[in-house]
Amino acid sequence: MNLKNKIIFTLLLFVLVFQFKTYSQSPKDMLMYQIENKQFKKTNNNTYTISGEIDIKINVAGVNISNISYKSEEILNTSKGIVFQKFVENSDSYFTIQLINE
């Protein structure tokens, strides 16, 4: 996690505590997201790939403090659900989430 993301994460934690003690702003008003250009593709008999773009806006007391955009790729298995997710920022930084079978 780079310094920018650590600062944003720390601010978000602070904001969540501060918001719930001071304001009556609901969590849905603090974090807004929009998913665009979703594409579904069948890759084999029981696997699908979904790609798209996600824009996340973080607001505090009605003021926008951060915007994050990701290109996403998700792999769905009809019997297991989501087995892989990859989120890539404009700077080519990315993180992945993967289901590991035991």
N, C-alpha and C. Protein backbone atom coordinates (compact mmCIF):
# COMPACT_ATOMS: atom_id res chain seq x y z
N MET A 1 0.85 -1.17 0.00
CA MET A 1 0.00 0.00 0.00
C MET A 1 0.90 1.24 0.00
N ASN A 2 0.68 2.12 -0.98
CA ASN A 2 1.53 3.31 -1.06
C ASN A 2 1.09 4.37 -0.05
N LEU A 3 1.88 5.42 0.09
CA LEU A 3 1.64 6.45 1.10
C LEU A 3 0.29 7.13 0.89
N LYS A 4 -0.07 7.42 -0.35
CA LYS A 4 -1.35 8.08 -0.63
C LYS A 4 -2.51 7.24 -0.12
N ASN A 5 -2.48 5.94 -0.40
CA ASN A 5 -3.57 5.06 0.04
C ASN A 5 -3.60 4.92 1.56
N LYS A 6 -2.42 4.91 2.21
CA LYS A 6 -2.38 4.84 3.67
C LYS A 6 -3.01 6.08 4.28
N ILE A 7 -2.71 7.24 3.70
CA ILE A 7 -3.27 8.50 4.22
C ILE A 7 -4.79 8.50 4.03
N ILE A 8 -5.26 8.09 2.85
CA ILE A 8 -6.70 8.06 2.58
C ILE A 8 -7.38 7.09 3.53
N PHE A 9 -6.78 5.91 3.74
CA PHE A 9 -7.36 4.91 4.64
C PHE A 9 -7.45 5.45 6.07
N THR A 10 -6.39 6.11 6.55
CA THR A 10 -6.38 6.68 7.90
C THR A 10 -7.44 7.76 8.02
N LEU A 11 -7.53 8.62 7.00
CA LEU A 11 -8.56 9.66 7.02
C LEU A 11 -9.96 9.07 7.02
N LEU A 12 -10.17 8.00 6.26
CA LEU A 12 -11.48 7.37 6.23
C LEU A 12 -11.87 6.82 7.60
N LEU A 13 -10.92 6.18 8.28
CA LEU A 13 -11.21 5.67 9.62
C LEU A 13 -11.57 6.81 10.57
N PHE A 14 -10.78 7.88 10.51
CA PHE A 14 -11.06 9.05 11.35
C PHE A 14 -12.43 9.63 11.02
N VAL A 15 -12.72 9.74 9.74
CA VAL A 15 -13.98 10.33 9.29
C VAL A 15 -15.16 9.49 9.75
N LEU A 16 -15.03 8.17 9.64
CA LEU A 16 -16.13 7.31 10.06
C LEU A 16 -16.45 7.50 11.54
N VAL A 17 -15.43 7.54 12.38
CA VAL A 17 -15.65 7.75 13.81
C VAL A 17 -16.23 9.14 14.05
N PHE A 18 -15.64 10.15 13.42
CA PHE A 18 -16.09 11.54 13.58
C PHE A 18 -17.50 11.73 13.07
N GLN A 19 -17.81 11.17 11.91
CA GLN A 19 -19.13 11.33 11.31
C GLN A 19 -20.23 10.77 12.20
N PHE A 20 -20.04 9.59 12.73
CA PHE A 20 -21.10 8.96 13.49
C PHE A 20 -21.29 9.61 14.85
N LYS A 21 -20.27 10.28 15.38
CA LYS A 21 -20.41 10.95 16.66
C LYS A 21 -20.96 12.36 16.51
N THR A 22 -20.70 13.00 15.37
CA THR A 22 -21.01 14.42 15.22
C THR A 22 -22.21 14.68 14.30
N TYR A 23 -22.26 13.99 13.18
CA TYR A 23 -23.30 14.25 12.20
C TYR A 23 -24.23 13.05 12.09
N SER A 24 -25.37 13.30 11.51
CA SER A 24 -26.30 12.19 11.28
C SER A 24 -26.27 11.76 9.81
N GLN A 25 -25.17 12.04 9.13
CA GLN A 25 -25.04 11.65 7.73
C GLN A 25 -24.91 10.13 7.65
N SER A 26 -25.71 9.53 6.79
CA SER A 26 -25.69 8.07 6.70
C SER A 26 -24.49 7.61 5.88
N PRO A 27 -24.02 6.37 6.12
CA PRO A 27 -22.86 5.85 5.36
C PRO A 27 -23.08 5.85 3.85
N LYS A 28 -24.32 5.67 3.40
CA LYS A 28 -24.55 5.67 1.95
C LYS A 28 -24.30 7.04 1.33
N ASP A 29 -24.41 8.12 2.12
CA ASP A 29 -24.12 9.46 1.62
C ASP A 29 -22.62 9.75 1.62
N MET A 30 -21.85 8.97 2.38
CA MET A 30 -20.41 9.19 2.48
C MET A 30 -19.65 8.52 1.33
N LEU A 31 -20.13 7.37 0.88
CA LEU A 31 -19.43 6.60 -0.14
C LEU A 31 -20.39 6.34 -1.29
N MET A 32 -20.06 6.89 -2.46
CA MET A 32 -20.90 6.69 -3.64
C MET A 32 -20.06 6.01 -4.71
N TYR A 33 -20.66 5.11 -5.43
CA TYR A 33 -19.94 4.45 -6.51
C TYR A 33 -20.83 4.31 -7.73
N GLN A 34 -20.17 4.17 -8.87
CA GLN A 34 -20.86 4.02 -10.13
C GLN A 34 -20.10 2.99 -10.96
N ILE A 35 -20.82 2.04 -11.52
CA ILE A 35 -20.22 1.01 -12.36
C ILE A 35 -20.67 1.25 -13.79
N GLU A 36 -19.70 1.33 -14.71
CA GLU A 36 -20.00 1.62 -16.11
C GLU A 36 -19.34 0.59 -17.02
N ASN A 37 -19.80 0.54 -18.25
CA ASN A 37 -19.20 -0.28 -19.31
C ASN A 37 -19.02 -1.74 -18.91
N LYS A 38 -20.03 -2.30 -18.24
CA LYS A 38 -19.95 -3.70 -17.83
C LYS A 38 -20.11 -4.61 -19.04
N GLN A 39 -19.21 -5.58 -19.14
CA GLN A 39 -19.26 -6.54 -20.24
C GLN A 39 -19.18 -7.96 -19.67
N PHE A 40 -20.09 -8.82 -20.12
CA PHE A 40 -20.11 -10.21 -19.70
C PHE A 40 -19.61 -11.08 -20.85
N LYS A 41 -18.76 -12.05 -20.51
CA LYS A 41 -18.24 -12.95 -21.54
C LYS A 41 -18.16 -14.36 -20.95
N LYS A 42 -18.72 -15.33 -21.66
CA LYS A 42 -18.63 -16.72 -21.22
C LYS A 42 -17.28 -17.27 -21.67
N THR A 43 -16.47 -17.77 -20.71
CA THR A 43 -15.13 -18.25 -21.06
C THR A 43 -15.08 -19.76 -21.22
N ASN A 44 -15.92 -20.49 -20.52
CA ASN A 44 -16.08 -21.93 -20.76
C ASN A 44 -17.42 -22.37 -20.20
N ASN A 45 -17.63 -23.67 -20.03
CA ASN A 45 -18.95 -24.18 -19.64
C ASN A 45 -19.51 -23.59 -18.35
N ASN A 46 -18.66 -23.36 -17.34
CA ASN A 46 -19.19 -22.87 -16.07
C ASN A 46 -18.45 -21.64 -15.54
N THR A 47 -17.78 -20.89 -16.42
CA THR A 47 -17.03 -19.71 -15.99
C THR A 47 -17.39 -18.52 -16.88
N TYR A 48 -17.58 -17.37 -16.22
CA TYR A 48 -17.87 -16.12 -16.92
C TYR A 48 -16.88 -15.06 -16.47
N THR A 49 -16.54 -14.13 -17.37
CA THR A 49 -15.69 -12.99 -17.04
C THR A 49 -16.53 -11.72 -17.17
N ILE A 50 -16.46 -10.88 -16.15
CA ILE A 50 -17.16 -9.60 -16.15
C ILE A 50 -16.10 -8.51 -16.04
N SER A 51 -16.12 -7.57 -16.97
CA SER A 51 -15.18 -6.44 -16.90
C SER A 51 -15.99 -5.15 -16.88
N GLY A 52 -15.40 -4.11 -16.29
CA GLY A 52 -16.09 -2.83 -16.22
C GLY A 52 -15.21 -1.77 -15.59
N GLU A 53 -15.80 -0.61 -15.36
CA GLU A 53 -15.11 0.52 -14.74
C GLU A 53 -15.90 0.96 -13.52
N ILE A 54 -15.19 1.20 -12.43
CA ILE A 54 -15.82 1.60 -11.17
C ILE A 54 -15.25 2.95 -10.74
N ASP A 55 -16.14 3.89 -10.46
CA ASP A 55 -15.74 5.20 -9.91
C ASP A 55 -16.27 5.29 -8.49
N ILE A 56 -15.39 5.56 -7.53
CA ILE A 56 -15.75 5.67 -6.12
C ILE A 56 -15.49 7.10 -5.66
N LYS A 57 -16.50 7.72 -5.04
CA LYS A 57 -16.38 9.08 -4.52
C LYS A 57 -16.62 9.04 -3.02
N ILE A 58 -15.72 9.65 -2.25
CA ILE A 58 -15.83 9.67 -0.80
C ILE A 58 -16.14 11.10 -0.36
N ASN A 59 -17.24 11.27 0.37
CA ASN A 59 -17.69 12.58 0.82
C ASN A 59 -17.71 12.66 2.34
N VAL A 60 -17.35 13.82 2.87
CA VAL A 60 -17.45 14.09 4.30
C VAL A 60 -18.24 15.38 4.46
N ALA A 61 -19.34 15.30 5.18
CA ALA A 61 -20.21 16.47 5.41
C ALA A 61 -20.55 17.15 4.09
N GLY A 62 -20.77 16.36 3.05
CA GLY A 62 -21.15 16.89 1.75
C GLY A 62 -20.01 17.40 0.90
N VAL A 63 -18.76 17.27 1.38
CA VAL A 63 -17.59 17.74 0.64
C VAL A 63 -16.83 16.53 0.11
N ASN A 64 -16.55 16.52 -1.18
CA ASN A 64 -15.82 15.42 -1.79
C ASN A 64 -14.36 15.48 -1.38
N ILE A 65 -13.86 14.39 -0.73
CA ILE A 65 -12.46 14.38 -0.30
C ILE A 65 -11.58 13.47 -1.14
N SER A 66 -12.19 12.53 -1.89
CA SER A 66 -11.37 11.64 -2.70
C SER A 66 -12.20 10.99 -3.79
N ASN A 67 -11.57 10.78 -4.93
CA ASN A 67 -12.16 10.02 -6.03
C ASN A 67 -11.16 8.94 -6.42
N ILE A 68 -11.63 7.73 -6.61
CA ILE A 68 -10.79 6.63 -7.05
C ILE A 68 -11.50 5.93 -8.20
N SER A 69 -10.77 5.69 -9.29
CA SER A 69 -11.33 4.98 -10.44
C SER A 69 -10.56 3.70 -10.67
N TYR A 70 -11.28 2.64 -10.93
CA TYR A 70 -10.67 1.34 -11.20
C TYR A 70 -11.26 0.74 -12.46
N LYS A 71 -10.45 -0.02 -13.19
CA LYS A 71 -10.96 -0.94 -14.19
C LYS A 71 -11.00 -2.28 -13.50
N SER A 72 -12.09 -2.99 -13.64
CA SER A 72 -12.24 -4.24 -12.89
C SER A 72 -12.41 -5.42 -13.83
N GLU A 73 -11.97 -6.56 -13.33
CA GLU A 73 -12.18 -7.84 -14.02
C GLU A 73 -12.54 -8.85 -12.95
N GLU A 74 -13.66 -9.55 -13.15
CA GLU A 74 -14.11 -10.55 -12.19
C GLU A 74 -14.35 -11.86 -12.93
N ILE A 75 -13.98 -12.95 -12.31
CA ILE A 75 -14.24 -14.27 -12.88
C ILE A 75 -15.23 -14.98 -11.96
N LEU A 76 -16.35 -15.39 -12.55
CA LEU A 76 -17.40 -16.06 -11.82
C LEU A 76 -17.47 -17.52 -12.24
N ASN A 77 -17.58 -18.40 -11.25
CA ASN A 77 -17.78 -19.81 -11.50
C ASN A 77 -19.22 -20.11 -11.08
N THR A 78 -19.98 -20.82 -11.91
CA THR A 78 -21.39 -21.03 -11.62
C THR A 78 -21.62 -21.83 -10.34
N SER A 79 -20.68 -22.64 -9.92
CA SER A 79 -20.86 -23.41 -8.69
C SER A 79 -20.21 -22.76 -7.47
N LYS A 80 -19.16 -21.94 -7.66
CA LYS A 80 -18.42 -21.37 -6.52
C LYS A 80 -18.68 -19.88 -6.32
N GLY A 81 -19.21 -19.18 -7.30
CA GLY A 81 -19.40 -17.73 -7.20
C GLY A 81 -18.17 -17.00 -7.72
N ILE A 82 -17.87 -15.85 -7.13
CA ILE A 82 -16.70 -15.07 -7.57
C ILE A 82 -15.43 -15.78 -7.12
N VAL A 83 -14.56 -16.12 -8.07
CA VAL A 83 -13.31 -16.81 -7.73
C VAL A 83 -12.08 -15.92 -7.92
N PHE A 84 -12.23 -14.79 -8.63
CA PHE A 84 -11.09 -13.90 -8.86
C PHE A 84 -11.60 -12.50 -9.17
N GLN A 85 -10.92 -11.49 -8.60
CA GLN A 85 -11.21 -10.10 -8.90
C GLN A 85 -9.89 -9.34 -9.03
N LYS A 86 -9.83 -8.45 -10.01
CA LYS A 86 -8.66 -7.59 -10.19
C LYS A 86 -9.14 -6.17 -10.42
N PHE A 87 -8.56 -5.23 -9.67
CA PHE A 87 -8.91 -3.82 -9.77
C PHE A 87 -7.65 -3.03 -10.10
N VAL A 88 -7.67 -2.28 -11.21
CA VAL A 88 -6.50 -1.56 -11.69
C VAL A 88 -6.81 -0.06 -11.71
N GLU A 89 -5.93 0.75 -11.06
CA GLU A 89 -6.06 2.20 -11.08
C GLU A 89 -5.48 2.75 -12.38
N ASN A 90 -5.71 4.05 -12.65
CA ASN A 90 -5.17 4.70 -13.85
C ASN A 90 -3.64 4.68 -13.86
N SER A 91 -3.02 4.63 -12.67
CA SER A 91 -1.56 4.62 -12.57
C SER A 91 -0.99 3.21 -12.77
N ASP A 92 -1.82 2.25 -13.11
CA ASP A 92 -1.48 0.83 -13.27
C ASP A 92 -1.20 0.13 -11.94
N SER A 93 -1.43 0.78 -10.81
CA SER A 93 -1.41 0.10 -9.52
C SER A 93 -2.64 -0.79 -9.48
N TYR A 94 -2.53 -1.95 -8.85
CA TYR A 94 -3.67 -2.85 -8.80
C TYR A 94 -3.65 -3.71 -7.55
N PHE A 95 -4.81 -4.29 -7.26
CA PHE A 95 -4.89 -5.32 -6.22
C PHE A 95 -5.81 -6.41 -6.72
N THR A 96 -5.61 -7.60 -6.20
CA THR A 96 -6.41 -8.76 -6.61
C THR A 96 -7.01 -9.44 -5.39
N ILE A 97 -8.11 -10.11 -5.62
CA ILE A 97 -8.75 -10.94 -4.60
C ILE A 97 -9.01 -12.29 -5.28
N GLN A 98 -8.59 -13.37 -4.64
CA GLN A 98 -8.73 -14.68 -5.26
C GLN A 98 -9.23 -15.69 -4.24
N LEU A 99 -10.21 -16.51 -4.65
CA LEU A 99 -10.70 -17.58 -3.83
C LEU A 99 -9.69 -18.73 -3.89
N ILE A 100 -9.28 -19.21 -2.73
CA ILE A 100 -8.34 -20.32 -2.68
C ILE A 100 -9.08 -21.54 -2.14
N ASN A 101 -9.10 -22.60 -2.92
CA ASN A 101 -9.75 -23.84 -2.51
C ASN A 101 -8.88 -24.61 -1.56
N GLU A 102 -9.47 -25.22 -0.56
CA GLU A 102 -8.71 -26.06 0.36
C GLU A 102 -8.99 -27.51 0.09
